[in-house]
């Protein structure tokens, strides 16, 4: 049940296109919130709320260094998502082989 709860949080976080954009950016490099906000068409405060949601749901981690909050991906969350997709794919493939 705990794994499903974590997975639900991951899907909820990734349901929002802005949060997916943030995850995509962090796939390339760790970044401060201000750098994440630059290309996005919204205020820094709004981006900060998205970052907080991603962190709360375990997709990213942040660390405040002086006045800068640096963000990076949490690979365990992506692993959990990958495992779920792989499991569903194998279930589907087994059901197709019986047809």
N, C-alpha and C. Protein backbone atom coordinates (compact mmCIF):
# COMPACT_ATOMS: atom_id res chain seq x y z
N UNK A 1 0.84 -1.21 0.00
CA UNK A 1 0.00 0.00 0.00
C UNK A 1 0.87 1.25 0.00
N UNK A 2 1.96 1.21 0.76
CA UNK A 2 2.85 2.38 0.84
C UNK A 2 3.43 2.72 -0.53
N UNK A 3 3.80 1.68 -1.31
CA UNK A 3 4.34 1.93 -2.65
C UNK A 3 3.30 2.58 -3.55
N UNK A 4 2.04 2.15 -3.43
CA UNK A 4 1.00 2.76 -4.24
C UNK A 4 0.77 4.21 -3.85
N UNK A 5 0.85 4.50 -2.56
CA UNK A 5 0.71 5.89 -2.11
C UNK A 5 1.82 6.75 -2.70
N UNK A 6 3.04 6.27 -2.65
CA UNK A 6 4.17 7.01 -3.22
C UNK A 6 3.97 7.19 -4.71
N UNK A 7 3.52 6.14 -5.38
CA UNK A 7 3.29 6.22 -6.82
C UNK A 7 2.18 7.21 -7.15
N UNK A 8 1.13 7.23 -6.34
CA UNK A 8 0.06 8.20 -6.55
C UNK A 8 0.58 9.63 -6.45
N UNK A 9 1.46 9.87 -5.50
CA UNK A 9 2.05 11.20 -5.35
C UNK A 9 2.89 11.56 -6.57
N UNK A 10 3.62 10.60 -7.09
CA UNK A 10 4.44 10.85 -8.27
C UNK A 10 3.56 11.21 -9.46
N UNK A 11 2.50 10.43 -9.68
CA UNK A 11 1.59 10.73 -10.80
C UNK A 11 0.91 12.08 -10.60
N UNK A 12 0.53 12.37 -9.38
CA UNK A 12 -0.10 13.66 -9.11
C UNK A 12 0.86 14.80 -9.42
N UNK A 13 2.10 14.65 -9.01
CA UNK A 13 3.10 15.68 -9.27
C UNK A 13 3.32 15.86 -10.76
N UNK A 14 3.40 14.76 -11.49
CA UNK A 14 3.70 14.84 -12.92
C UNK A 14 2.49 15.17 -13.78
N UNK A 15 1.32 15.23 -13.18
CA UNK A 15 0.11 15.58 -13.93
C UNK A 15 0.15 17.04 -14.40
N UNK A 16 0.91 17.86 -13.71
CA UNK A 16 0.98 19.28 -14.05
C UNK A 16 2.12 19.52 -15.04
N UNK A 17 1.83 20.19 -16.18
CA UNK A 17 2.86 20.41 -17.20
C UNK A 17 4.05 21.24 -16.70
N UNK A 18 3.81 22.19 -15.81
CA UNK A 18 4.92 22.99 -15.28
C UNK A 18 5.86 22.12 -14.47
N UNK A 19 5.30 21.23 -13.67
CA UNK A 19 6.15 20.36 -12.87
C UNK A 19 6.92 19.38 -13.76
N UNK A 20 6.29 18.93 -14.86
CA UNK A 20 7.02 18.08 -15.80
C UNK A 20 8.17 18.87 -16.43
N UNK A 21 7.93 20.14 -16.76
CA UNK A 21 9.00 20.99 -17.30
C UNK A 21 10.16 21.10 -16.32
N UNK A 22 9.85 21.26 -15.05
CA UNK A 22 10.89 21.38 -14.02
C UNK A 22 11.69 20.08 -13.94
N UNK A 23 11.00 18.94 -13.95
CA UNK A 23 11.69 17.65 -13.91
C UNK A 23 12.59 17.49 -15.13
N UNK A 24 12.09 17.86 -16.31
CA UNK A 24 12.91 17.76 -17.52
C UNK A 24 14.15 18.63 -17.42
N UNK A 25 14.01 19.82 -16.90
CA UNK A 25 15.17 20.70 -16.73
C UNK A 25 16.17 20.08 -15.77
N UNK A 26 15.69 19.49 -14.69
CA UNK A 26 16.59 18.91 -13.69
C UNK A 26 17.21 17.59 -14.17
N UNK A 27 16.67 17.01 -15.24
CA UNK A 27 17.33 15.84 -15.84
C UNK A 27 18.67 16.24 -16.44
N UNK A 28 18.77 17.47 -16.89
CA UNK A 28 20.00 17.95 -17.52
C UNK A 28 21.03 18.41 -16.50
N UNK A 29 20.55 19.01 -15.40
CA UNK A 29 21.48 19.56 -14.41
C UNK A 29 20.74 19.97 -13.15
N UNK A 30 21.47 20.00 -12.04
CA UNK A 30 20.93 20.59 -10.81
C UNK A 30 20.80 22.09 -11.07
N UNK A 31 19.85 22.73 -10.43
CA UNK A 31 19.64 24.15 -10.72
C UNK A 31 19.00 24.87 -9.55
N UNK A 32 19.36 26.14 -9.38
CA UNK A 32 18.67 26.95 -8.37
C UNK A 32 17.25 27.29 -8.86
N UNK A 33 16.38 27.55 -7.93
CA UNK A 33 14.99 27.87 -8.27
C UNK A 33 14.92 29.05 -9.24
N UNK A 34 15.78 30.04 -9.05
CA UNK A 34 15.75 31.21 -9.94
C UNK A 34 16.06 30.82 -11.39
N UNK A 35 16.98 29.88 -11.60
CA UNK A 35 17.28 29.42 -12.96
C UNK A 35 16.13 28.61 -13.55
N UNK A 36 15.47 27.85 -12.70
CA UNK A 36 14.31 27.08 -13.15
C UNK A 36 13.21 28.03 -13.60
N UNK A 37 13.04 29.12 -12.87
CA UNK A 37 11.95 30.06 -13.15
C UNK A 37 12.18 30.87 -14.42
N UNK A 38 13.43 31.09 -14.80
CA UNK A 38 13.72 31.98 -15.94
C UNK A 38 12.93 31.67 -17.21
N UNK A 39 12.92 30.43 -17.70
CA UNK A 39 12.21 30.17 -18.95
C UNK A 39 10.70 30.00 -18.80
N UNK A 40 10.22 29.94 -17.58
CA UNK A 40 8.79 29.68 -17.37
C UNK A 40 7.99 30.98 -17.32
N UNK A 41 6.80 30.96 -17.91
CA UNK A 41 5.98 32.17 -17.98
C UNK A 41 5.14 32.40 -16.72
N UNK A 42 5.81 32.45 -15.56
CA UNK A 42 5.09 32.67 -14.30
C UNK A 42 6.04 33.27 -13.29
N UNK A 43 5.49 33.71 -12.21
CA UNK A 43 6.30 34.38 -11.19
C UNK A 43 7.20 33.39 -10.46
N UNK A 44 8.23 33.92 -9.84
CA UNK A 44 9.14 33.10 -9.03
C UNK A 44 8.37 32.44 -7.89
N UNK A 45 7.42 33.14 -7.31
CA UNK A 45 6.62 32.58 -6.21
C UNK A 45 5.83 31.35 -6.68
N UNK A 46 5.28 31.40 -7.88
CA UNK A 46 4.53 30.27 -8.42
C UNK A 46 5.46 29.09 -8.69
N UNK A 47 6.62 29.37 -9.27
CA UNK A 47 7.59 28.30 -9.52
C UNK A 47 8.03 27.68 -8.20
N UNK A 48 8.24 28.50 -7.19
CA UNK A 48 8.63 28.00 -5.87
C UNK A 48 7.57 27.06 -5.32
N UNK A 49 6.30 27.36 -5.52
CA UNK A 49 5.24 26.46 -5.05
C UNK A 49 5.29 25.12 -5.79
N UNK A 50 5.56 25.16 -7.10
CA UNK A 50 5.70 23.92 -7.86
C UNK A 50 6.90 23.11 -7.35
N UNK A 51 8.01 23.78 -7.09
CA UNK A 51 9.20 23.11 -6.56
C UNK A 51 8.87 22.48 -5.21
N UNK A 52 8.17 23.21 -4.36
CA UNK A 52 7.80 22.67 -3.04
C UNK A 52 6.92 21.43 -3.18
N UNK A 53 6.01 21.45 -4.15
CA UNK A 53 5.14 20.28 -4.37
C UNK A 53 5.98 19.09 -4.84
N UNK A 54 6.88 19.32 -5.77
CA UNK A 54 7.75 18.23 -6.25
C UNK A 54 8.60 17.66 -5.11
N UNK A 55 9.06 18.53 -4.25
CA UNK A 55 9.86 18.06 -3.12
C UNK A 55 8.99 17.31 -2.11
N UNK A 56 7.82 17.83 -1.81
CA UNK A 56 6.91 17.18 -0.87
C UNK A 56 6.54 15.77 -1.34
N UNK A 57 6.39 15.61 -2.65
CA UNK A 57 5.99 14.31 -3.20
C UNK A 57 7.18 13.44 -3.57
N UNK A 58 8.39 13.89 -3.22
CA UNK A 58 9.57 13.05 -3.33
C UNK A 58 10.24 12.97 -4.68
N UNK A 59 9.87 13.82 -5.63
CA UNK A 59 10.49 13.78 -6.95
C UNK A 59 11.80 14.55 -7.02
N UNK A 60 11.93 15.56 -6.19
CA UNK A 60 13.17 16.33 -6.17
C UNK A 60 13.58 16.56 -4.72
N UNK A 61 14.80 17.01 -4.56
CA UNK A 61 15.32 17.45 -3.27
C UNK A 61 15.87 18.84 -3.46
N UNK A 62 15.89 19.60 -2.39
CA UNK A 62 16.47 20.95 -2.45
C UNK A 62 17.37 21.16 -1.25
N UNK A 63 18.27 22.10 -1.40
CA UNK A 63 19.16 22.48 -0.32
C UNK A 63 19.41 23.97 -0.44
N UNK A 64 19.25 24.66 0.67
CA UNK A 64 19.50 26.10 0.68
C UNK A 64 20.98 26.32 0.96
N UNK A 65 21.64 26.99 0.03
CA UNK A 65 23.06 27.33 0.15
C UNK A 65 23.14 28.85 0.16
N UNK A 66 23.32 29.42 1.32
CA UNK A 66 23.26 30.88 1.44
C UNK A 66 21.86 31.35 1.15
N UNK A 67 21.72 32.18 0.14
CA UNK A 67 20.40 32.69 -0.25
C UNK A 67 19.80 31.95 -1.43
N UNK A 68 20.51 30.92 -1.89
CA UNK A 68 20.10 30.19 -3.10
C UNK A 68 19.59 28.80 -2.72
N UNK A 69 18.43 28.43 -3.26
CA UNK A 69 17.89 27.08 -3.06
C UNK A 69 18.17 26.28 -4.33
N UNK A 70 19.03 25.27 -4.18
CA UNK A 70 19.42 24.42 -5.31
C UNK A 70 18.54 23.17 -5.32
N UNK A 71 18.12 22.76 -6.52
CA UNK A 71 17.23 21.61 -6.69
C UNK A 71 17.92 20.53 -7.51
N UNK A 72 17.60 19.27 -7.20
CA UNK A 72 18.07 18.15 -8.02
C UNK A 72 17.03 17.04 -7.96
N UNK A 73 17.08 16.17 -8.97
CA UNK A 73 16.13 15.06 -9.03
C UNK A 73 16.42 14.03 -7.96
N UNK A 74 15.37 13.39 -7.52
CA UNK A 74 15.48 12.27 -6.59
C UNK A 74 15.28 11.00 -7.42
N UNK A 75 16.37 10.30 -7.76
CA UNK A 75 16.26 9.16 -8.68
C UNK A 75 15.38 8.03 -8.18
N UNK A 76 15.21 7.87 -6.88
CA UNK A 76 14.36 6.79 -6.37
C UNK A 76 12.92 6.95 -6.82
N UNK A 77 12.46 8.18 -6.94
CA UNK A 77 11.08 8.41 -7.41
C UNK A 77 10.94 7.97 -8.85
N UNK A 78 11.92 8.30 -9.67
CA UNK A 78 11.87 7.88 -11.06
C UNK A 78 12.02 6.37 -11.18
N UNK A 79 12.81 5.76 -10.31
CA UNK A 79 12.94 4.30 -10.29
C UNK A 79 11.60 3.65 -9.97
N UNK A 80 10.89 4.21 -8.99
CA UNK A 80 9.58 3.68 -8.61
C UNK A 80 8.61 3.73 -9.79
N UNK A 81 8.62 4.85 -10.49
CA UNK A 81 7.77 5.02 -11.67
C UNK A 81 8.16 4.04 -12.76
N UNK A 82 9.45 3.90 -12.99
CA UNK A 82 9.96 2.98 -14.01
C UNK A 82 9.57 1.54 -13.68
N UNK A 83 9.68 1.14 -12.43
CA UNK A 83 9.31 -0.22 -12.02
C UNK A 83 7.83 -0.47 -12.24
N UNK A 84 7.00 0.51 -11.94
CA UNK A 84 5.56 0.35 -12.13
C UNK A 84 5.24 0.17 -13.61
N UNK A 85 5.84 1.00 -14.45
CA UNK A 85 5.60 0.91 -15.90
C UNK A 85 6.09 -0.44 -16.42
N UNK A 86 7.27 -0.87 -16.00
CA UNK A 86 7.81 -2.16 -16.45
C UNK A 86 6.90 -3.31 -16.03
N UNK A 87 6.38 -3.24 -14.80
CA UNK A 87 5.49 -4.29 -14.32
C UNK A 87 4.20 -4.32 -15.15
N UNK A 88 3.62 -3.16 -15.41
CA UNK A 88 2.39 -3.11 -16.20
C UNK A 88 2.64 -3.61 -17.62
N UNK A 89 3.79 -3.26 -18.19
CA UNK A 89 4.13 -3.72 -19.54
C UNK A 89 4.26 -5.24 -19.56
N UNK A 90 4.90 -5.82 -18.55
CA UNK A 90 5.06 -7.28 -18.53
C UNK A 90 3.72 -7.97 -18.36
N UNK A 91 2.83 -7.40 -17.55
CA UNK A 91 1.47 -7.97 -17.41
C UNK A 91 0.75 -7.97 -18.74
N UNK A 92 0.85 -6.84 -19.44
CA UNK A 92 0.18 -6.71 -20.73
C UNK A 92 0.77 -7.71 -21.73
N UNK A 93 2.10 -7.83 -21.75
CA UNK A 93 2.74 -8.76 -22.69
C UNK A 93 2.35 -10.20 -22.41
N UNK A 94 2.25 -10.56 -21.12
CA UNK A 94 1.80 -11.92 -20.78
C UNK A 94 0.37 -12.15 -21.25
N UNK A 95 -0.48 -11.15 -21.09
CA UNK A 95 -1.87 -11.33 -21.52
C UNK A 95 -1.97 -11.43 -23.03
N UNK A 96 -1.09 -10.75 -23.75
CA UNK A 96 -1.11 -10.81 -25.22
C UNK A 96 -0.60 -12.15 -25.73
N UNK A 97 0.31 -12.77 -24.99
CA UNK A 97 0.85 -14.06 -25.43
C UNK A 97 -0.18 -15.18 -25.27
N UNK A 98 -1.20 -14.94 -24.45
CA UNK A 98 -2.25 -15.96 -24.27
C UNK A 98 -3.34 -15.84 -25.31
N UNK A 99 -3.33 -14.78 -26.08
CA UNK A 99 -4.39 -14.54 -27.07
C UNK A 99 -4.15 -15.35 -28.31
